[in-house]
Amino acid sequence: MSHNVNNDVGKMIRKYRRARNYTQEELGEILQIDQSYLGRIERGEINITLDTLTKIAKALGINPALLLETKQNVSDQSRAKILEKIDSQLLTLNTSELMIVHNMLREVLQLKKI
């Protein structure tokens, strides 16, 4: 099976859209594009321009590069899914909440060393 960038980008768009609790319709309204077009993007059915990718990223409040990241180098799929869930949950937090989570994680990892 060949690697399909459109599918990967579409999955990342869906992931970040859901993390922001947007429906396809809501994000489509923000972007001023039809919901069905956004659905086709998320399913990897069409190529999008860098301009469109940038507009989507801006609407989602993320760096466009995040939409181009793939997990193809992660051999353990269950590990990748867990990391994706954690990432999606962290996206919903504000800066002070992220700092709290970061401090807690650092403490847990310190305990692991003991």
PDB file of N, CA and C in Angstrom:
ATOM      1  N   MET A   1       0.850  -1.186   0.000  1.00  0.00           N
ATOM      2  CA  MET A   1       0.000   0.000   0.000  1.00  0.00           C
ATOM      3  C   MET A   1       0.889   1.240   0.000  1.00  0.00           C
ATOM      4  N   SER A   2       0.661   2.159  -0.906  1.00  0.00           N
ATOM      5  CA  SER A   2       1.491   3.355  -0.991  1.00  0.00           C
ATOM      6  C   SER A   2       1.036   4.411   0.013  1.00  0.00           C
ATOM      7  N   HIS A   3       1.981   5.239   0.373  1.00  0.00           N
ATOM      8  CA  HIS A   3       1.730   6.315   1.327  1.00  0.00           C
ATOM      9  C   HIS A   3       0.944   7.430   0.630  1.00  0.00           C
ATOM     10  N   ASN A   4      -0.121   7.900   1.272  1.00  0.00           N
ATOM     11  CA  ASN A   4      -0.950   8.940   0.677  1.00  0.00           C
ATOM     12  C   ASN A   4      -0.963  10.170   1.584  1.00  0.00           C
ATOM     13  N   VAL A   5      -0.289  11.219   1.143  1.00  0.00           N
ATOM     14  CA  VAL A   5      -0.193  12.454   1.913  1.00  0.00           C
ATOM     15  C   VAL A   5      -1.570  13.070   2.132  1.00  0.00           C
ATOM     16  N   ASN A   6      -2.432  13.001   1.128  1.00  0.00           N
ATOM     17  CA  ASN A   6      -3.771  13.582   1.278  1.00  0.00           C
ATOM     18  C   ASN A   6      -4.527  12.942   2.436  1.00  0.00           C
ATOM     19  N   ASN A   7      -4.413  11.610   2.565  1.00  0.00           N
ATOM     20  CA  ASN A   7      -5.076  10.920   3.678  1.00  0.00           C
ATOM     21  C   ASN A   7      -4.501  11.358   5.014  1.00  0.00           C
ATOM     22  N   ASP A   8      -3.181  11.440   5.085  1.00  0.00           N
ATOM     23  CA  ASP A   8      -2.525  11.836   6.339  1.00  0.00           C
ATOM     24  C   ASP A   8      -2.925  13.251   6.749  1.00  0.00           C
ATOM     25  N   VAL A   9      -2.894  14.171   5.799  1.00  0.00           N
ATOM     26  CA  VAL A   9      -3.265  15.562   6.095  1.00  0.00           C
ATOM     27  C   VAL A   9      -4.734  15.624   6.508  1.00  0.00           C
ATOM     28  N   GLY A  10      -5.579  14.910   5.802  1.00  0.00           N
ATOM     29  CA  GLY A  10      -7.005  14.890   6.132  1.00  0.00           C
ATOM     30  C   GLY A  10      -7.259  14.372   7.534  1.00  0.00           C
ATOM     31  N   LYS A  11      -6.540  13.320   7.909  1.00  0.00           N
ATOM     32  CA  LYS A  11      -6.691  12.774   9.260  1.00  0.00           C
ATOM     33  C   LYS A  11      -6.253  13.786  10.318  1.00  0.00           C
ATOM     34  N   MET A  12      -5.181  14.508  10.031  1.00  0.00           N
ATOM     35  CA  MET A  12      -4.702  15.509  10.985  1.00  0.00           C
ATOM     36  C   MET A  12      -5.702  16.658  11.101  1.00  0.00           C
ATOM     37  N   ILE A  13      -6.271  17.086   9.986  1.00  0.00           N
ATOM     38  CA  ILE A  13      -7.290  18.147  10.023  1.00  0.00           C
ATOM     39  C   ILE A  13      -8.472  17.694  10.864  1.00  0.00           C
ATOM     40  N   ARG A  14      -8.941  16.469  10.647  1.00  0.00           N
ATOM     41  CA  ARG A  14     -10.062  15.923  11.423  1.00  0.00           C
ATOM     42  C   ARG A  14      -9.708  15.873  12.911  1.00  0.00           C
ATOM     43  N   LYS A  15      -8.505  15.416  13.214  1.00  0.00           N
ATOM     44  CA  LYS A  15      -8.065  15.307  14.605  1.00  0.00           C
ATOM     45  C   LYS A  15      -8.117  16.665  15.304  1.00  0.00           C
ATOM     46  N   TYR A  16      -7.539  17.681  14.683  1.00  0.00           N
ATOM     47  CA  TYR A  16      -7.505  19.006  15.308  1.00  0.00           C
ATOM     48  C   TYR A  16      -8.887  19.662  15.314  1.00  0.00           C
ATOM     49  N   ARG A  17      -9.699  19.401  14.289  1.00  0.00           N
ATOM     50  CA  ARG A  17     -11.064  19.942  14.269  1.00  0.00           C
ATOM     51  C   ARG A  17     -11.859  19.373  15.438  1.00  0.00           C
ATOM     52  N   ARG A  18     -11.760  18.068  15.627  1.00  0.00           N
ATOM     53  CA  ARG A  18     -12.484  17.426  16.731  1.00  0.00           C
ATOM     54  C   ARG A  18     -11.965  17.891  18.082  1.00  0.00           C
ATOM     55  N   ALA A  19     -10.649  18.107  18.178  1.00  0.00           N
ATOM     56  CA  ALA A  19     -10.069  18.588  19.430  1.00  0.00           C
ATOM     57  C   ALA A  19     -10.598  19.976  19.789  1.00  0.00           C
ATOM     58  N   ARG A  20     -10.940  20.743  18.775  1.00  0.00           N
ATOM     59  CA  ARG A  20     -11.503  22.079  18.990  1.00  0.00           C
ATOM     60  C   ARG A  20     -13.029  22.038  19.116  1.00  0.00           C
ATOM     61  N   ASN A  21     -13.579  20.828  19.069  1.00  0.00           N
ATOM     62  CA  ASN A  21     -15.031  20.613  19.155  1.00  0.00           C
ATOM     63  C   ASN A  21     -15.803  21.340  18.057  1.00  0.00           C
ATOM     64  N   TYR A  22     -15.215  21.406  16.870  1.00  0.00           N
ATOM     65  CA  TYR A  22     -15.901  21.968  15.712  1.00  0.00           C
ATOM     66  C   TYR A  22     -16.535  20.835  14.910  1.00  0.00           C
ATOM     67  N   THR A  23     -17.724  21.079  14.401  1.00  0.00           N
ATOM     68  CA  THR A  23     -18.286  20.173  13.410  1.00  0.00           C
ATOM     69  C   THR A  23     -17.692  20.569  12.065  1.00  0.00           C
ATOM     70  N   GLN A  24     -17.865  19.723  11.072  1.00  0.00           N
ATOM     71  CA  GLN A  24     -17.419  20.096   9.726  1.00  0.00           C
ATOM     72  C   GLN A  24     -18.155  21.348   9.267  1.00  0.00           C
ATOM     73  N   GLU A  25     -19.412  21.429   9.617  1.00  0.00           N
ATOM     74  CA  GLU A  25     -20.202  22.592   9.217  1.00  0.00           C
ATOM     75  C   GLU A  25     -19.656  23.873   9.847  1.00  0.00           C
ATOM     76  N   GLU A  26     -19.333  23.813  11.147  1.00  0.00           N
ATOM     77  CA  GLU A  26     -18.815  25.001  11.836  1.00  0.00           C
ATOM     78  C   GLU A  26     -17.470  25.441  11.266  1.00  0.00           C
ATOM     79  N   LEU A  27     -16.557  24.480  11.054  1.00  0.00           N
ATOM     80  CA  LEU A  27     -15.263  24.848  10.491  1.00  0.00           C
ATOM     81  C   LEU A  27     -15.429  25.337   9.058  1.00  0.00           C
ATOM     82  N   GLY A  28     -16.323  24.698   8.317  1.00  0.00           N
ATOM     83  CA  GLY A  28     -16.590  25.150   6.954  1.00  0.00           C
ATOM     84  C   GLY A  28     -17.074  26.588   6.913  1.00  0.00           C
ATOM     85  N   GLU A  29     -17.924  26.968   7.863  1.00  0.00           N
ATOM     86  CA  GLU A  29     -18.410  28.351   7.931  1.00  0.00           C
ATOM     87  C   GLU A  29     -17.272  29.315   8.220  1.00  0.00           C
ATOM     88  N   ILE A  30     -16.401  28.945   9.142  1.00  0.00           N
ATOM     89  CA  ILE A  30     -15.252  29.801   9.463  1.00  0.00           C
ATOM     90  C   ILE A  30     -14.371  29.985   8.226  1.00  0.00           C
ATOM     91  N   LEU A  31     -14.162  28.895   7.492  1.00  0.00           N
ATOM     92  CA  LEU A  31     -13.299  28.914   6.313  1.00  0.00           C
ATOM     93  C   LEU A  31     -14.006  29.425   5.062  1.00  0.00           C
ATOM     94  N   GLN A  32     -15.316  29.550   5.163  1.00  0.00           N
ATOM     95  CA  GLN A  32     -16.151  29.931   4.020  1.00  0.00           C
ATOM     96  C   GLN A  32     -16.021  28.922   2.876  1.00  0.00           C
ATOM     97  N   ILE A  33     -16.064  27.640   3.285  1.00  0.00           N
ATOM     98  CA  ILE A  33     -16.098  26.557   2.298  1.00  0.00           C
ATOM     99  C   ILE A  33     -17.243  25.625   2.670  1.00  0.00           C
ATOM    100  N   ASP A  34     -17.724  24.879   1.703  1.00  0.00           N
ATOM    101  CA  ASP A  34     -18.830  23.957   1.924  1.00  0.00           C
ATOM    102  C   ASP A  34     -18.393  22.800   2.802  1.00  0.00           C
ATOM    103  N   GLN A  35     -19.296  22.357   3.657  1.00  0.00           N
ATOM    104  CA  GLN A  35     -19.038  21.236   4.566  1.00  0.00           C
ATOM    105  C   GLN A  35     -18.652  19.974   3.789  1.00  0.00           C
ATOM    106  N   SER A  36     -19.257  19.739   2.647  1.00  0.00           N
ATOM    107  CA  SER A  36     -18.944  18.536   1.868  1.00  0.00           C
ATOM    108  C   SER A  36     -17.512  18.598   1.321  1.00  0.00           C
ATOM    109  N   TYR A  37     -17.056  19.805   0.979  1.00  0.00           N
ATOM    110  CA  TYR A  37     -15.676  19.984   0.508  1.00  0.00           C
ATOM    111  C   TYR A  37     -14.704  19.674   1.645  1.00  0.00           C
ATOM    112  N   LEU A  38     -15.009  20.159   2.843  1.00  0.00           N
ATOM    113  CA  LEU A  38     -14.175  19.876   4.006  1.00  0.00           C
ATOM    114  C   LEU A  38     -14.150  18.370   4.279  1.00  0.00           C
ATOM    115  N   GLY A  39     -15.289  17.719   4.138  1.00  0.00           N
ATOM    116  CA  GLY A  39     -15.346  16.271   4.313  1.00  0.00           C
ATOM    117  C   GLY A  39     -14.448  15.545   3.327  1.00  0.00           C
ATOM    118  N   ARG A  40     -14.434  16.009   2.088  1.00  0.00           N
ATOM    119  CA  ARG A  40     -13.571  15.404   1.074  1.00  0.00           C
ATOM    120  C   ARG A  40     -12.098  15.623   1.400  1.00  0.00           C
ATOM    121  N   ILE A  41     -11.781  16.797   1.949  1.00  0.00           N
ATOM    122  CA  ILE A  41     -10.407  17.069   2.373  1.00  0.00           C
ATOM    123  C   ILE A  41     -10.023  16.093   3.484  1.00  0.00           C
ATOM    124  N   GLU A  42     -10.895  15.952   4.489  1.00  0.00           N
ATOM    125  CA  GLU A  42     -10.592  15.079   5.627  1.00  0.00           C
ATOM    126  C   GLU A  42     -10.473  13.613   5.221  1.00  0.00           C
ATOM    127  N   ARG A  43     -11.165  13.211   4.183  1.00  0.00           N
ATOM    128  CA  ARG A  43     -11.076  11.824   3.708  1.00  0.00           C
ATOM    129  C   ARG A  43      -9.905  11.619   2.748  1.00  0.00           C
ATOM    130  N   GLY A  44      -9.180  12.694   2.442  1.00  0.00           N
ATOM    131  CA  GLY A  44      -8.026  12.599   1.557  1.00  0.00           C
ATOM    132  C   GLY A  44      -8.378  12.412   0.105  1.00  0.00           C
ATOM    133  N   GLU A  45      -9.593  12.813  -0.265  1.00  0.00           N
ATOM    134  CA  GLU A  45     -10.060  12.607  -1.638  1.00  0.00           C
ATOM    135  C   GLU A  45      -9.542  13.659  -2.616  1.00  0.00           C
ATOM    136  N   ILE A  46      -9.097  14.791  -2.094  1.00  0.00           N
ATOM    137  CA  ILE A  46      -8.642  15.860  -2.980  1.00  0.00           C
ATOM    138  C   ILE A  46      -7.331  16.461  -2.488  1.00  0.00           C
ATOM    139  N   ASN A  47      -6.600  17.043  -3.416  1.00  0.00           N
ATOM    140  CA  ASN A  47      -5.397  17.796  -3.076  1.00  0.00           C
ATOM    141  C   ASN A  47      -5.822  19.187  -2.629  1.00  0.00           C
ATOM    142  N   ILE A  48      -5.135  19.713  -1.635  1.00  0.00           N
ATOM    143  CA  ILE A  48      -5.401  21.098  -1.256  1.00  0.00           C
ATOM    144  C   ILE A  48      -4.137  21.914  -1.459  1.00  0.00           C
ATOM    145  N   THR A  49      -4.309  23.183  -1.670  1.00  0.00           N
ATOM    146  CA  THR A  49      -3.159  24.069  -1.850  1.00  0.00           C
ATOM    147  C   THR A  49      -2.557  24.404  -0.490  1.00  0.00           C
ATOM    148  N   LEU A  50      -1.347  24.920  -0.519  1.00  0.00           N
ATOM    149  CA  LEU A  50      -0.722  25.378   0.726  1.00  0.00           C
ATOM    150  C   LEU A  50      -1.517  26.528   1.325  1.00  0.00           C
ATOM    151  N   ASP A  51      -2.116  27.331   0.473  1.00  0.00           N
ATOM    152  CA  ASP A  51      -2.948  28.439   0.947  1.00  0.00           C
ATOM    153  C   ASP A  51      -4.132  27.906   1.754  1.00  0.00           C
ATOM    154  N   THR A  52      -4.793  26.883   1.234  1.00  0.00           N
ATOM    155  CA  THR A  52      -5.930  26.276   1.939  1.00  0.00           C
ATOM    156  C   THR A  52      -5.467  25.621   3.233  1.00  0.00           C
ATOM    157  N   LEU A  53      -4.339  24.921   3.180  1.00  0.00           N
ATOM    158  CA  LEU A  53      -3.793  24.289   4.374  1.00  0.00           C
ATOM    159  C   LEU A  53      -3.521  25.347   5.456  1.00  0.00           C
ATOM    160  N   THR A  54      -2.959  26.468   5.047  1.00  0.00           N
ATOM    161  CA  THR A  54      -2.658  27.550   5.988  1.00  0.00           C
ATOM    162  C   THR A  54      -3.926  28.146   6.572  1.00  0.00           C
ATOM    163  N   LYS A  55      -4.950  28.333   5.753  1.00  0.00           N
ATOM    164  CA  LYS A  55      -6.227  28.868   6.239  1.00  0.00           C
ATOM    165  C   LYS A  55      -6.871  27.918   7.252  1.00  0.00           C
ATOM    166  N   ILE A  56      -6.814  26.629   6.966  1.00  0.00           N
ATOM    167  CA  ILE A  56      -7.382  25.641   7.878  1.00  0.00           C
ATOM    168  C   ILE A  56      -6.632  25.673   9.207  1.00  0.00           C
ATOM    169  N   ALA A  57      -5.307  25.682   9.130  1.00  0.00           N
ATOM    170  CA  ALA A  57      -4.497  25.716  10.353  1.00  0.00           C
ATOM    171  C   ALA A  57      -4.789  26.967  11.169  1.00  0.00           C
ATOM    172  N   LYS A  58      -4.921  28.092  10.506  1.00  0.00           N
ATOM    173  CA  LYS A  58      -5.214  29.350  11.211  1.00  0.00           C
ATOM    174  C   LYS A  58      -6.572  29.261  11.907  1.00  0.00           C
ATOM    175  N   ALA A  59      -7.551  28.706  11.220  1.00  0.00           N
ATOM    176  CA  ALA A  59      -8.894  28.558  11.811  1.00  0.00           C
ATOM    177  C   ALA A  59      -8.870  27.623  13.019  1.00  0.00           C
ATOM    178  N   LEU A  60      -7.951  26.657  13.003  1.00  0.00           N
ATOM    179  CA  LEU A  60      -7.839  25.707  14.107  1.00  0.00           C
ATOM    180  C   LEU A  60      -6.886  26.204  15.199  1.00  0.00           C
ATOM    181  N   GLY A  61      -6.224  27.320  14.935  1.00  0.00           N
ATOM    182  CA  GLY A  61      -5.315  27.904  15.922  1.00  0.00           C
ATOM    183  C   GLY A  61      -4.025  27.122  16.096  1.00  0.00           C
ATOM    184  N   ILE A  62      -3.546  26.520  15.003  1.00  0.00           N
ATOM    185  CA  ILE A  62      -2.319  25.725  15.081  1.00  0.00           C
ATOM    186  C   ILE A  62      -1.354  26.138  13.978  1.00  0.00           C
ATOM    187  N   ASN A  63      -0.113  25.707  14.113  1.00  0.00           N
ATOM    188  CA  ASN A  63       0.897  25.917  13.090  1.00  0.00           C
ATOM    189  C   ASN A  63       0.595  24.973  11.925  1.00  0.00           C
ATOM    190  N   PRO A  64       0.636  25.459  10.682  1.00  0.00           N
ATOM    191  CA  PRO A  64       0.338  24.588   9.533  1.00  0.00           C
ATOM    192  C   PRO A  64       1.205  23.333   9.486  1.00  0.00           C
ATOM    193  N   ALA A  65       2.411  23.406  10.000  1.00  0.00           N
ATOM    194  CA  ALA A  65       3.303  22.239   9.978  1.00  0.00           C
ATOM    195  C   ALA A  65       2.713  21.057  10.731  1.00  0.00           C
ATOM    196  N   LEU A  66       1.886  21.326  11.737  1.00  0.00           N
ATOM    197  CA  LEU A  66       1.274  20.235  12.501  1.00  0.00           C
ATOM    198  C   LEU A  66       0.365  19.372  11.629  1.00  0.00           C
ATOM    199  N   LEU A  67      -0.201  19.972  10.597  1.00  0.00           N
ATOM    200  CA  LEU A  67      -1.095  19.208   9.717  1.00  0.00           C
ATOM    201  C   LEU A  67      -0.315  18.302   8.767  1.00  0.00           C
ATOM    202  N   LEU A  68       0.982  18.517   8.681  1.00  0.00           N
ATOM    203  CA  LEU A  68       1.812  17.705   7.792  1.00  0.00           C
ATOM    204  C   LEU A  68       2.544  16.596   8.523  1.00  0.00           C
ATOM    205  N   GLU A  69       2.448  16.564   9.844  1.00  0.00           N
ATOM    206  CA  GLU A  69       3.107  15.519  10.609  1.00  0.00           C
ATOM    207  C   GLU A  69       2.387  14.193  10.419  1.00  0.00           C
ATOM    208  N   THR A  70       3.164  13.142  10.317  1.00  0.00           N
ATOM    209  CA  THR A  70       2.573  11.811  10.216  1.00  0.00           C
ATOM    210  C   THR A  70       3.178  10.909  11.274  1.00  0.00           C
ATOM    211  N   LYS A  71       2.503   9.849  11.530  1.00  0.00           N
ATOM    212  CA  LYS A  71       2.966   8.882  12.519  1.00  0.00           C
ATOM    213  C   LYS A  71       3.539   7.644  11.821  1.00  0.00           C
ATOM    214  N   GLN A  72       3.930   7.766  10.551  1.00  0.00           N
ATOM    215  CA  GLN A  72       4.367   6.590   9.816  1.00  0.00           C
ATOM    216  C   GLN A  72       5.641   5.975  10.389  1.00  0.00           C
ATOM    217  N   ASN A  73       6.419   6.749  11.125  1.00  0.00           N
ATOM    218  CA  ASN A  73       7.643   6.210  11.709  1.00  0.00           C
ATOM    219  C   ASN A  73       7.381   5.485  13.026  1.00  0.00           C
ATOM    220  N   VAL A  74       6.184   5.553  13.516  1.00  0.00           N
ATOM    221  CA  VAL A  74       5.848   4.884  14.774  1.00  0.00           C
ATOM    222  C   VAL A  74       5.388   3.466  14.442  1.00  0.00           C
ATOM    223  N   SER A  75       6.191   2.488  14.864  1.00  0.00           N
ATOM    224  CA  SER A  75       5.878   1.109  14.492  1.00  0.00           C
ATOM    225  C   SER A  75       4.746   0.537  15.335  1.00  0.00           C
ATOM    226  N   ASP A  76       4.618   0.962  16.553  1.00  0.00           N
ATOM    227  CA  ASP A  76       3.588   0.424  17.438  1.00  0.00           C
ATOM    228  C   ASP A  76       2.317   1.265  17.309  1.00  0.00           C
ATOM    229  N   GLN A  77       1.310   0.736  16.620  1.00  0.00           N
ATOM    230  CA  GLN A  77       0.099   1.506  16.351  1.00  0.00           C
ATOM    231  C   GLN A  77      -0.689   1.835  17.612  1.00  0.00           C
ATOM    232  N   SER A  78      -0.691   0.946  18.585  1.00  0.00           N
ATOM    233  CA  SER A  78      -1.430   1.247  19.818  1.00  0.00           C
ATOM    234  C   SER A  78      -0.764   2.395  20.550  1.00  0.00           C
ATOM    235  N   ARG A  79       0.552   2.449  20.525  1.00  0.00           N
ATOM    236  CA  ARG A  79       1.280   3.564  21.138  1.00  0.00           C
ATOM    237  C   ARG A  79       0.930   4.870  20.423  1.00  0.00           C
ATOM    238  N   ALA A  80       0.876   4.830  19.119  1.00  0.00           N
ATOM    239  CA  ALA A  80       0.548   6.018  18.337  1.00  0.00           C
ATOM    240  C   ALA A  80      -0.861   6.508  18.652  1.00  0.00           C
ATOM    241  N   LYS A  81      -1.792   5.574  18.819  1.00  0.00           N
ATOM    242  CA  LYS A  81      -3.170   5.958  19.131  1.00  0.00           C
ATOM    243  C   LYS A  81      -3.269   6.597  20.509  1.00  0.00           C
ATOM    244  N   ILE A  82      -2.534   6.054  21.464  1.00  0.00           N
ATOM    245  CA  ILE A  82      -2.541   6.630  22.807  1.00  0.00           C
ATOM    246  C   ILE A  82      -1.961   8.040  22.778  1.00  0.00           C
ATOM    247  N   LEU A  83      -0.851   8.210  22.079  1.00  0.00           N
ATOM    248  CA  LEU A  83      -0.241   9.538  21.977  1.00  0.00           C
ATOM    249  C   LEU A  83      -1.174  10.526  21.274  1.00  0.00           C
ATOM    250  N   GLU A  84      -1.896  10.054  20.282  1.00  0.00           N
ATOM    251  CA  GLU A  84      -2.843  10.912  19.579  1.00  0.00           C
ATOM    252  C   GLU A  84      -3.973  11.353  20.508  1.00  0.00           C
ATOM    253  N   LYS A  85      -4.454  10.445  21.343  1.00  0.00           N
ATOM    254  CA  LYS A  85      -5.506  10.790  22.304  1.00  0.00           C
ATOM    255  C   LYS A  85      -5.005  11.825  23.299  1.00  0.00           C
ATOM    256  N   ILE A  86      -3.794  11.629  23.791  1.00  0.00           N
ATOM    257  CA  ILE A  86      -3.207  12.583  24.739  1.00  0.00           C
ATOM    258  C   ILE A  86      -3.074  13.946  24.077  1.00  0.00           C
ATOM    259  N   ASP A  87      -2.570  13.950  22.850  1.00  0.00           N
ATOM    260  CA  ASP A  87      -2.390  15.201  22.115  1.00  0.00           C
ATOM    261  C   ASP A  87      -3.719  15.929  21.934  1.00  0.00           C
ATOM    262  N   SER A  88      -4.754  15.194  21.560  1.00  0.00           N
ATOM    263  CA  SER A  88      -6.072  15.809  21.361  1.00  0.00           C
ATOM    264  C   SER A  88      -6.608  16.413  22.656  1.00  0.00           C
ATOM    265  N   GLN A  89      -6.384  15.721  23.767  1.00  0.00           N
ATOM    266  CA  GLN A  89      -6.850  16.240  25.056  1.00  0.00           C
ATOM    267  C   GLN A  89      -6.072  17.478  25.462  1.00  0.00           C
ATOM    268  N   LEU A  90      -4.773  17.496  25.207  1.00  0.00           N
ATOM    269  CA  LEU A  90      -3.950  18.646  25.579  1.00  0.00           C
ATOM    270  C   LEU A  90      -4.322  19.890  24.771  1.00  0.00           C
ATOM    271  N   LEU A  91      -4.781  19.698  23.549  1.00  0.00           N
ATOM    272  CA  LEU A  91      -5.154  20.829  22.708  1.00  0.00           C
ATOM    273  C   LEU A  91      -6.299  21.649  23.293  1.00  0.00           C
ATOM    274  N   THR A  92      -7.092  21.036  24.139  1.00  0.00           N
ATOM    275  CA  THR A  92      -8.249  21.743  24.693  1.00  0.00           C
ATOM    276  C   THR A  92      -7.889  22.588  25.911  1.00  0.00           C
ATOM    277  N   LEU A  93      -6.645  22.459  26.404  1.00  0.00           N
ATOM    278  CA  LEU A  93      -6.236  23.156  27.619  1.00  0.00           C
ATOM    279  C   LEU A  93      -5.658  24.534  27.322  1.00  0.00           C
ATOM    280  N   ASN A  94      -5.842  25.449  28.279  1.00  0.00           N
ATOM    281  CA  ASN A  94      -5.213  26.761  28.140  1.00  0.00           C
ATOM    282  C   ASN A  94      -3.777  26.670  28.669  1.00  0.00           C
ATOM    283  N   THR A  95      -3.044  27.750  28.580  1.00  0.00           N
ATOM    284  CA  THR A  95      -1.626  27.742  28.934  1.00  0.00           C
ATOM    285  C   THR A  95      -1.383  27.375  30.397  1.00  0.00           C
ATOM    286  N   SER A  96      -2.157  27.923  31.297  1.00  0.00           N
ATOM    287  CA  SER A  96      -1.931  27.612  32.708  1.00  0.00           C
ATOM    288  C   SER A  96      -2.252  26.150  33.003  1.00  0.00           C
ATOM    289  N   GLU A  97      -3.278  25.606  32.369  1.00  0.00           N
ATOM    290  CA  GLU A  97      -3.606  24.191  32.549  1.00  0.00           C
ATOM    291  C   GLU A  97      -2.501  23.301  31.983  1.00  0.00           C
ATOM    292  N   LEU A  98      -1.929  23.713  30.855  1.00  0.00           N
ATOM    293  CA  LEU A  98      -0.816  22.954  30.274  1.00  0.00           C
ATOM    294  C   LEU A  98       0.395  22.942  31.196  1.00  0.00           C
ATOM    295  N   MET A  99       0.653  24.063  31.848  1.00  0.00           N
ATOM    296  CA  MET A  99       1.774  24.128  32.791  1.00  0.00           C
ATOM    297  C   MET A  99       1.557  23.157  33.950  1.00  0.00           C
ATOM    298  N   ILE A 100       0.331  23.074  34.445  1.00  0.00           N
ATOM    299  CA  ILE A 100       0.017  22.145  35.533  1.00  0.00           C
ATOM    300  C   ILE A 100       0.255  20.704  35.081  1.00  0.00           C
ATOM    301  N   VAL A 101      -0.239  20.366  33.891  1.00  0.00           N
ATOM    302  CA  VAL A 101      -0.055  19.015  33.362  1.00  0.00           C
ATOM    303  C   VAL A 101       1.432  18.725  33.162  1.00  0.00           C
ATOM    304  N   HIS A 102       2.159  19.690  32.642  1.00  0.00           N
ATOM    305  CA  HIS A 102       3.598  19.525  32.429  1.00  0.00           C
ATOM    306  C   HIS A 102       4.314  19.243  33.748  1.00  0.00           C
ATOM    307  N   ASN A 103       3.997  20.006  34.779  1.00  0.00           N
ATOM    308  CA  ASN A 103       4.625  19.807  36.092  1.00  0.00           C
ATOM    309  C   ASN A 103       4.281  18.442  36.670  1.00  0.00           C
ATOM    310  N   MET A 104       3.015  18.036  36.510  1.00  0.00           N
ATOM    311  CA  MET A 104       2.602  16.724  37.013  1.00  0.00           C
ATOM    312  C   MET A 104       3.347  15.608  36.276  1.00  0.00           C
ATOM    313  N   LEU A 105       3.448  15.734  34.976  1.00  0.00           N
ATOM    314  CA  LEU A 105       4.138  14.725  34.177  1.00  0.00           C
ATOM    315  C   LEU A 105       5.612  14.646  34.556  1.00  0.00           C
ATOM    316  N   ARG A 106       6.228  15.790  34.741  1.00  0.00           N
ATOM    317  CA  ARG A 106       7.640  15.825  35.142  1.00  0.00           C
ATOM    318  C   ARG A 106       7.830  15.102  36.481  1.00  0.00           C
ATOM    319  N   GLU A 107       6.915  15.340  37.431  1.00  0.00           N
ATOM    320  CA  GLU A 107       7.001  14.677  38.734  1.00  0.00           C
ATOM    321  C   GLU A 107       6.807  13.169  38.617  1.00  0.00           C
ATOM    322  N   VAL A 108       5.867  12.748  37.797  1.00  0.00           N
ATOM    323  CA  VAL A 108       5.640  11.315  37.590  1.00  0.00           C
ATOM    324  C   VAL A 108       6.881  10.671  36.984  1.00  0.00           C
ATOM    325  N   LEU A 109       7.481  11.332  36.010  1.00  0.00           N
ATOM    326  CA  LEU A 109       8.678  10.781  35.383  1.00  0.00           C
ATOM    327  C   LEU A 109       9.867  10.755  36.349  1.00  0.00           C
ATOM    328  N   GLN A 110       9.937  11.705  37.261  1.00  0.00           N
ATOM    329  CA  GLN A 110      10.976  11.690  38.286  1.00  0.00           C
ATOM    330  C   GLN A 110      10.788  10.491  39.203  1.00  0.00           C
ATOM    331  N   LEU A 111       9.533  10.183  39.564  1.00  0.00           N
ATOM    332  CA  LEU A 111       9.253   9.026  40.417  1.00  0.00           C
ATOM    333  C   LEU A 111       9.657   7.723  39.726  1.00  0.00           C
ATOM    334  N   LYS A 112       9.531   7.704  38.420  1.00  0.00           N
ATOM    335  CA  LYS A 112       9.897   6.521  37.642  1.00  0.00           C
ATOM    336  C   LYS A 112      11.391   6.217  37.785  1.00  0.00           C
ATOM    337  N   LYS A 113      12.199   7.255  37.963  1.00  0.00           N
ATOM    338  CA  LYS A 113      13.650   7.093  38.088  1.00  0.00           C
ATOM    339  C   LYS A 113      14.061   6.542  39.444  1.00  0.00           C
ATOM    340  N   ILE A 114      13.184   6.654  40.426  1.00  0.00           N
ATOM    341  CA  ILE A 114      13.520   6.214  41.802  1.00  0.00           C
ATOM    342  C   ILE A 114      13.528   4.705  41.899  1.00  0.00           C
TER     343      ILE A 114
END
